[in-house]
């Protein structure tokens, strides 16, 4: 759903942090510690892979 609400950069960052905190709490309440750690490690490795691919595309990393 799109809307035309104008937000400052600080407001956008605060909303993003609130969303991250909410989703983290939700995952903690529904997963065991082992499952949560496995999921977080997978998410981190996927982020690193995407960052590496992006850097390779712009030619900063060979």
PDB file of N, CA and C in Angstrom:
ATOM      1  N   UNK A   1       0.837  -1.163   0.000  1.00  0.00           N
ATOM      2  CA  UNK A   1       0.000   0.000   0.000  1.00  0.00           C
ATOM      3  C   UNK A   1       0.894   1.241   0.000  1.00  0.00           C
ATOM      4  N   UNK A   2       0.677   2.135  -0.909  1.00  0.00           N
ATOM      5  CA  UNK A   2       1.465   3.358  -0.999  1.00  0.00           C
ATOM      6  C   UNK A   2       0.692   4.527  -0.420  1.00  0.00           C
ATOM      7  N   UNK A   3       1.432   5.426   0.179  1.00  0.00           N
ATOM      8  CA  UNK A   3       0.835   6.645   0.706  1.00  0.00           C
ATOM      9  C   UNK A   3       1.830   7.782   0.515  1.00  0.00           C
ATOM     10  N   UNK A   4       1.382   8.989   0.646  1.00  0.00           N
ATOM     11  CA  UNK A   4       2.218  10.159   0.398  1.00  0.00           C
ATOM     12  C   UNK A   4       2.661  10.840   1.686  1.00  0.00           C
ATOM     13  N   UNK A   5       3.020  10.075   2.689  1.00  0.00           N
ATOM     14  CA  UNK A   5       3.493  10.648   3.944  1.00  0.00           C
ATOM     15  C   UNK A   5       4.976  10.967   3.790  1.00  0.00           C
ATOM     16  N   UNK A   6       5.342  12.190   4.089  1.00  0.00           N
ATOM     17  CA  UNK A   6       6.743  12.609   4.022  1.00  0.00           C
ATOM     18  C   UNK A   6       7.387  12.396   5.391  1.00  0.00           C
ATOM     19  N   UNK A   7       8.482  11.662   5.416  1.00  0.00           N
ATOM     20  CA  UNK A   7       9.199  11.412   6.655  1.00  0.00           C
ATOM     21  C   UNK A   7      10.638  11.890   6.520  1.00  0.00           C
ATOM     22  N   UNK A   8      11.181  12.366   7.618  1.00  0.00           N
ATOM     23  CA  UNK A   8      12.590  12.757   7.611  1.00  0.00           C
ATOM     24  C   UNK A   8      13.449  11.491   7.646  1.00  0.00           C
ATOM     25  N   UNK A   9      14.714  11.653   7.357  1.00  0.00           N
ATOM     26  CA  UNK A   9      15.630  10.514   7.390  1.00  0.00           C
ATOM     27  C   UNK A   9      15.677   9.907   8.786  1.00  0.00           C
ATOM     28  N   UNK A  10      15.710  10.750   9.800  1.00  0.00           N
ATOM     29  CA  UNK A  10      15.746  10.262  11.182  1.00  0.00           C
ATOM     30  C   UNK A  10      14.495   9.450  11.507  1.00  0.00           C
ATOM     31  N   UNK A  11      13.339   9.911  11.056  1.00  0.00           N
ATOM     32  CA  UNK A  11      12.092   9.175  11.289  1.00  0.00           C
ATOM     33  C   UNK A  11      12.110   7.829  10.574  1.00  0.00           C
ATOM     34  N   UNK A  12      12.615   7.804   9.351  1.00  0.00           N
ATOM     35  CA  UNK A  12      12.706   6.543   8.604  1.00  0.00           C
ATOM     36  C   UNK A  12      13.615   5.554   9.319  1.00  0.00           C
ATOM     37  N   UNK A  13      14.750   6.042   9.829  1.00  0.00           N
ATOM     38  CA  UNK A  13      15.682   5.173  10.548  1.00  0.00           C
ATOM     39  C   UNK A  13      15.029   4.635  11.814  1.00  0.00           C
ATOM     40  N   UNK A  14      14.337   5.491  12.553  1.00  0.00           N
ATOM     41  CA  UNK A  14      13.665   5.043  13.782  1.00  0.00           C
ATOM     42  C   UNK A  14      12.586   4.006  13.491  1.00  0.00           C
ATOM     43  N   UNK A  15      11.845   4.191  12.423  1.00  0.00           N
ATOM     44  CA  UNK A  15      10.824   3.212  12.038  1.00  0.00           C
ATOM     45  C   UNK A  15      11.480   1.887  11.684  1.00  0.00           C
ATOM     46  N   UNK A  16      12.579   1.941  10.940  1.00  0.00           N
ATOM     47  CA  UNK A  16      13.305   0.729  10.551  1.00  0.00           C
ATOM     48  C   UNK A  16      13.819   0.002  11.795  1.00  0.00           C
ATOM     49  N   UNK A  17      14.397   0.737  12.747  1.00  0.00           N
ATOM     50  CA  UNK A  17      14.902   0.122  13.975  1.00  0.00           C
ATOM     51  C   UNK A  17      13.770  -0.498  14.790  1.00  0.00           C
ATOM     52  N   UNK A  18      12.630   0.167  14.869  1.00  0.00           N
ATOM     53  CA  UNK A  18      11.470  -0.394  15.572  1.00  0.00           C
ATOM     54  C   UNK A  18      11.007  -1.688  14.913  1.00  0.00           C
ATOM     55  N   UNK A  19      10.993  -1.703  13.596  1.00  0.00           N
ATOM     56  CA  UNK A  19      10.592  -2.905  12.866  1.00  0.00           C
ATOM     57  C   UNK A  19      11.576  -4.048  13.116  1.00  0.00           C
ATOM     58  N   UNK A  20      12.867  -3.739  13.110  1.00  0.00           N
ATOM     59  CA  UNK A  20      13.886  -4.757  13.385  1.00  0.00           C
ATOM     60  C   UNK A  20      13.732  -5.316  14.797  1.00  0.00           C
ATOM     61  N   UNK A  21      13.500  -4.433  15.756  1.00  0.00           N
ATOM     62  CA  UNK A  21      13.326  -4.859  17.148  1.00  0.00           C
ATOM     63  C   UNK A  21      12.084  -5.742  17.290  1.00  0.00           C
ATOM     64  N   UNK A  22      11.008  -5.363  16.628  1.00  0.00           N
ATOM     65  CA  UNK A  22       9.775  -6.150  16.675  1.00  0.00           C
ATOM     66  C   UNK A  22       9.989  -7.537  16.073  1.00  0.00           C
ATOM     67  N   UNK A  23      10.608  -7.593  14.886  1.00  0.00           N
ATOM     68  CA  UNK A  23      10.795  -8.892  14.235  1.00  0.00           C
ATOM     69  C   UNK A  23      11.774  -9.757  15.016  1.00  0.00           C
ATOM     70  N   UNK A  24      12.777  -9.139  15.639  1.00  0.00           N
ATOM     71  CA  UNK A  24      13.716  -9.884  16.474  1.00  0.00           C
ATOM     72  C   UNK A  24      12.995 -10.495  17.673  1.00  0.00           C
ATOM     73  N   UNK A  25      12.157  -9.710  18.329  1.00  0.00           N
ATOM     74  CA  UNK A  25      11.386 -10.221  19.462  1.00  0.00           C
ATOM     75  C   UNK A  25      10.444 -11.339  19.058  1.00  0.00           C
ATOM     76  N   UNK A  26       9.850 -11.198  17.895  1.00  0.00           N
ATOM     77  CA  UNK A  26       8.946 -12.225  17.387  1.00  0.00           C
ATOM     78  C   UNK A  26       9.702 -13.526  17.126  1.00  0.00           C
ATOM     79  N   UNK A  27      10.883 -13.420  16.505  1.00  0.00           N
ATOM     80  CA  UNK A  27      11.679 -14.621  16.239  1.00  0.00           C
ATOM     81  C   UNK A  27      12.131 -15.270  17.542  1.00  0.00           C
ATOM     82  N   UNK A  28      12.547 -14.460  18.519  1.00  0.00           N
ATOM     83  CA  UNK A  28      12.997 -15.007  19.804  1.00  0.00           C
ATOM     84  C   UNK A  28      11.882 -15.755  20.521  1.00  0.00           C
ATOM     85  N   UNK A  29      10.658 -15.278  20.385  1.00  0.00           N
ATOM     86  CA  UNK A  29       9.552 -15.916  21.098  1.00  0.00           C
ATOM     87  C   UNK A  29       9.052 -17.178  20.400  1.00  0.00           C
ATOM     88  N   UNK A  30       9.363 -17.344  19.129  1.00  0.00           N
ATOM     89  CA  UNK A  30       8.843 -18.503  18.399  1.00  0.00           C
ATOM     90  C   UNK A  30       9.893 -19.561  18.090  1.00  0.00           C
ATOM     91  N   UNK A  31      11.175 -19.243  18.280  1.00  0.00           N
ATOM     92  CA  UNK A  31      12.237 -20.196  17.937  1.00  0.00           C
ATOM     93  C   UNK A  31      13.075 -20.517  19.167  1.00  0.00           C
ATOM     94  N   UNK A  32      13.653 -21.710  19.134  1.00  0.00           N
ATOM     95  CA  UNK A  32      14.607 -22.044  20.189  1.00  0.00           C
ATOM     96  C   UNK A  32      15.890 -21.246  19.933  1.00  0.00           C
ATOM     97  N   UNK A  33      16.751 -21.170  20.948  1.00  0.00           N
ATOM     98  CA  UNK A  33      18.008 -20.418  20.796  1.00  0.00           C
ATOM     99  C   UNK A  33      18.835 -20.964  19.639  1.00  0.00           C
ATOM    100  N   UNK A  34      18.887 -22.287  19.515  1.00  0.00           N
ATOM    101  CA  UNK A  34      19.686 -22.922  18.469  1.00  0.00           C
ATOM    102  C   UNK A  34      19.143 -22.550  17.086  1.00  0.00           C
ATOM    103  N   UNK A  35      17.822 -22.639  16.920  1.00  0.00           N
ATOM    104  CA  UNK A  35      17.201 -22.277  15.641  1.00  0.00           C
ATOM    105  C   UNK A  35      17.423 -20.806  15.314  1.00  0.00           C
ATOM    106  N   UNK A  36      17.291 -19.953  16.328  1.00  0.00           N
ATOM    107  CA  UNK A  36      17.470 -18.519  16.130  1.00  0.00           C
ATOM    108  C   UNK A  36      18.901 -18.205  15.708  1.00  0.00           C
ATOM    109  N   UNK A  37      19.877 -18.807  16.382  1.00  0.00           N
ATOM    110  CA  UNK A  37      21.274 -18.576  16.005  1.00  0.00           C
ATOM    111  C   UNK A  37      21.555 -19.056  14.592  1.00  0.00           C
ATOM    112  N   UNK A  38      21.002 -20.205  14.227  1.00  0.00           N
ATOM    113  CA  UNK A  38      21.192 -20.731  12.874  1.00  0.00           C
ATOM    114  C   UNK A  38      20.592 -19.774  11.839  1.00  0.00           C
ATOM    115  N   UNK A  39      19.397 -19.273  12.129  1.00  0.00           N
ATOM    116  CA  UNK A  39      18.720 -18.339  11.215  1.00  0.00           C
ATOM    117  C   UNK A  39      19.515 -17.040  11.077  1.00  0.00           C
ATOM    118  N   UNK A  40      20.007 -16.498  12.198  1.00  0.00           N
ATOM    119  CA  UNK A  40      20.782 -15.259  12.154  1.00  0.00           C
ATOM    120  C   UNK A  40      22.095 -15.444  11.397  1.00  0.00           C
ATOM    121  N   UNK A  41      22.762 -16.585  11.585  1.00  0.00           N
ATOM    122  CA  UNK A  41      24.001 -16.857  10.848  1.00  0.00           C
ATOM    123  C   UNK A  41      23.728 -16.935   9.348  1.00  0.00           C
ATOM    124  N   UNK A  42      22.628 -17.566   8.974  1.00  0.00           N
ATOM    125  CA  UNK A  42      22.266 -17.662   7.560  1.00  0.00           C
ATOM    126  C   UNK A  42      21.982 -16.277   6.982  1.00  0.00           C
ATOM    127  N   UNK A  43      21.246 -15.453   7.746  1.00  0.00           N
ATOM    128  CA  UNK A  43      20.938 -14.098   7.279  1.00  0.00           C
ATOM    129  C   UNK A  43      22.220 -13.283   7.102  1.00  0.00           C
ATOM    130  N   UNK A  44      23.146 -13.393   8.059  1.00  0.00           N
ATOM    131  CA  UNK A  44      24.414 -12.660   7.964  1.00  0.00           C
ATOM    132  C   UNK A  44      25.205 -13.097   6.746  1.00  0.00           C
ATOM    133  N   UNK A  45      25.288 -14.403   6.510  1.00  0.00           N
ATOM    134  CA  UNK A  45      26.066 -14.886   5.365  1.00  0.00           C
ATOM    135  C   UNK A  45      25.435 -14.448   4.049  1.00  0.00           C
ATOM    136  N   UNK A  46      24.102 -14.408   3.985  1.00  0.00           N
ATOM    137  CA  UNK A  46      23.432 -13.929   2.772  1.00  0.00           C
ATOM    138  C   UNK A  46      23.706 -12.447   2.545  1.00  0.00           C
ATOM    139  N   UNK A  47      23.736 -11.664   3.618  1.00  0.00           N
ATOM    140  CA  UNK A  47      24.035 -10.232   3.490  1.00  0.00           C
ATOM    141  C   UNK A  47      25.460 -10.033   2.998  1.00  0.00           C
ATOM    142  N   UNK A  48      26.403 -10.810   3.556  1.00  0.00           N
ATOM    143  CA  UNK A  48      27.794 -10.698   3.119  1.00  0.00           C
ATOM    144  C   UNK A  48      27.942 -11.086   1.654  1.00  0.00           C
ATOM    145  N   UNK A  49      27.225 -12.128   1.242  1.00  0.00           N
ATOM    146  CA  UNK A  49      27.289 -12.563  -0.148  1.00  0.00           C
ATOM    147  C   UNK A  49      26.760 -11.470  -1.077  1.00  0.00           C
ATOM    148  N   UNK A  50      25.630 -10.856  -0.708  1.00  0.00           N
ATOM    149  CA  UNK A  50      25.066  -9.774  -1.534  1.00  0.00           C
ATOM    150  C   UNK A  50      26.002  -8.573  -1.594  1.00  0.00           C
ATOM    151  N   UNK A  51      26.625  -8.242  -0.454  1.00  0.00           N
ATOM    152  CA  UNK A  51      27.567  -7.120  -0.438  1.00  0.00           C
ATOM    153  C   UNK A  51      28.761  -7.408  -1.339  1.00  0.00           C
ATOM    154  N   UNK A  52      29.285  -8.638  -1.276  1.00  0.00           N
ATOM    155  CA  UNK A  52      30.431  -9.008  -2.105  1.00  0.00           C
ATOM    156  C   UNK A  52      30.072  -8.924  -3.582  1.00  0.00           C
ATOM    157  N   UNK A  53      28.897  -9.417  -3.943  1.00  0.00           N
ATOM    158  CA  UNK A  53      28.451  -9.372  -5.337  1.00  0.00           C
ATOM    159  C   UNK A  53      28.310  -7.930  -5.805  1.00  0.00           C
ATOM    160  N   UNK A  54      27.737  -7.081  -4.954  1.00  0.00           N
ATOM    161  CA  UNK A  54      27.570  -5.676  -5.318  1.00  0.00           C
ATOM    162  C   UNK A  54      28.928  -5.011  -5.528  1.00  0.00           C
ATOM    163  N   UNK A  55      29.885  -5.273  -4.637  1.00  0.00           N
ATOM    164  CA  UNK A  55      31.214  -4.680  -4.776  1.00  0.00           C
ATOM    165  C   UNK A  55      31.926  -5.187  -6.027  1.00  0.00           C
ATOM    166  N   UNK A  56      31.746  -6.459  -6.337  1.00  0.00           N
ATOM    167  CA  UNK A  56      32.344  -6.994  -7.558  1.00  0.00           C
ATOM    168  C   UNK A  56      31.760  -6.313  -8.786  1.00  0.00           C
ATOM    169  N   UNK A  57      30.465  -6.035  -8.747  1.00  0.00           N
ATOM    170  CA  UNK A  57      29.821  -5.389  -9.887  1.00  0.00           C
ATOM    171  C   UNK A  57      30.344  -3.985 -10.116  1.00  0.00           C
ATOM    172  N   UNK A  58      30.674  -3.289  -9.053  1.00  0.00           N
ATOM    173  CA  UNK A  58      31.176  -1.930  -9.248  1.00  0.00           C
ATOM    174  C   UNK A  58      32.696  -1.901  -9.363  1.00  0.00           C
ATOM    175  N   UNK A  59      33.320  -3.061  -9.331  1.00  0.00           N
ATOM    176  CA  UNK A  59      34.739  -3.170  -9.628  1.00  0.00           C
ATOM    177  C   UNK A  59      35.686  -2.851  -8.491  1.00  0.00           C
ATOM    178  N   UNK A  60      35.215  -2.852  -7.262  1.00  0.00           N
ATOM    179  CA  UNK A  60      36.095  -2.548  -6.137  1.00  0.00           C
ATOM    180  C   UNK A  60      36.734  -3.786  -5.531  1.00  0.00           C
ATOM    181  N   UNK A  61      36.227  -4.939  -5.865  1.00  0.00           N
ATOM    182  CA  UNK A  61      36.743  -6.168  -5.290  1.00  0.00           C
ATOM    183  C   UNK A  61      36.888  -7.184  -6.410  1.00  0.00           C
ATOM    184  N   UNK A  62      38.013  -7.819  -6.475  1.00  0.00           N
ATOM    185  CA  UNK A  62      38.250  -8.819  -7.532  1.00  0.00           C
ATOM    186  C   UNK A  62      38.342 -10.205  -6.936  1.00  0.00           C
TER     187      UNK A  62
END
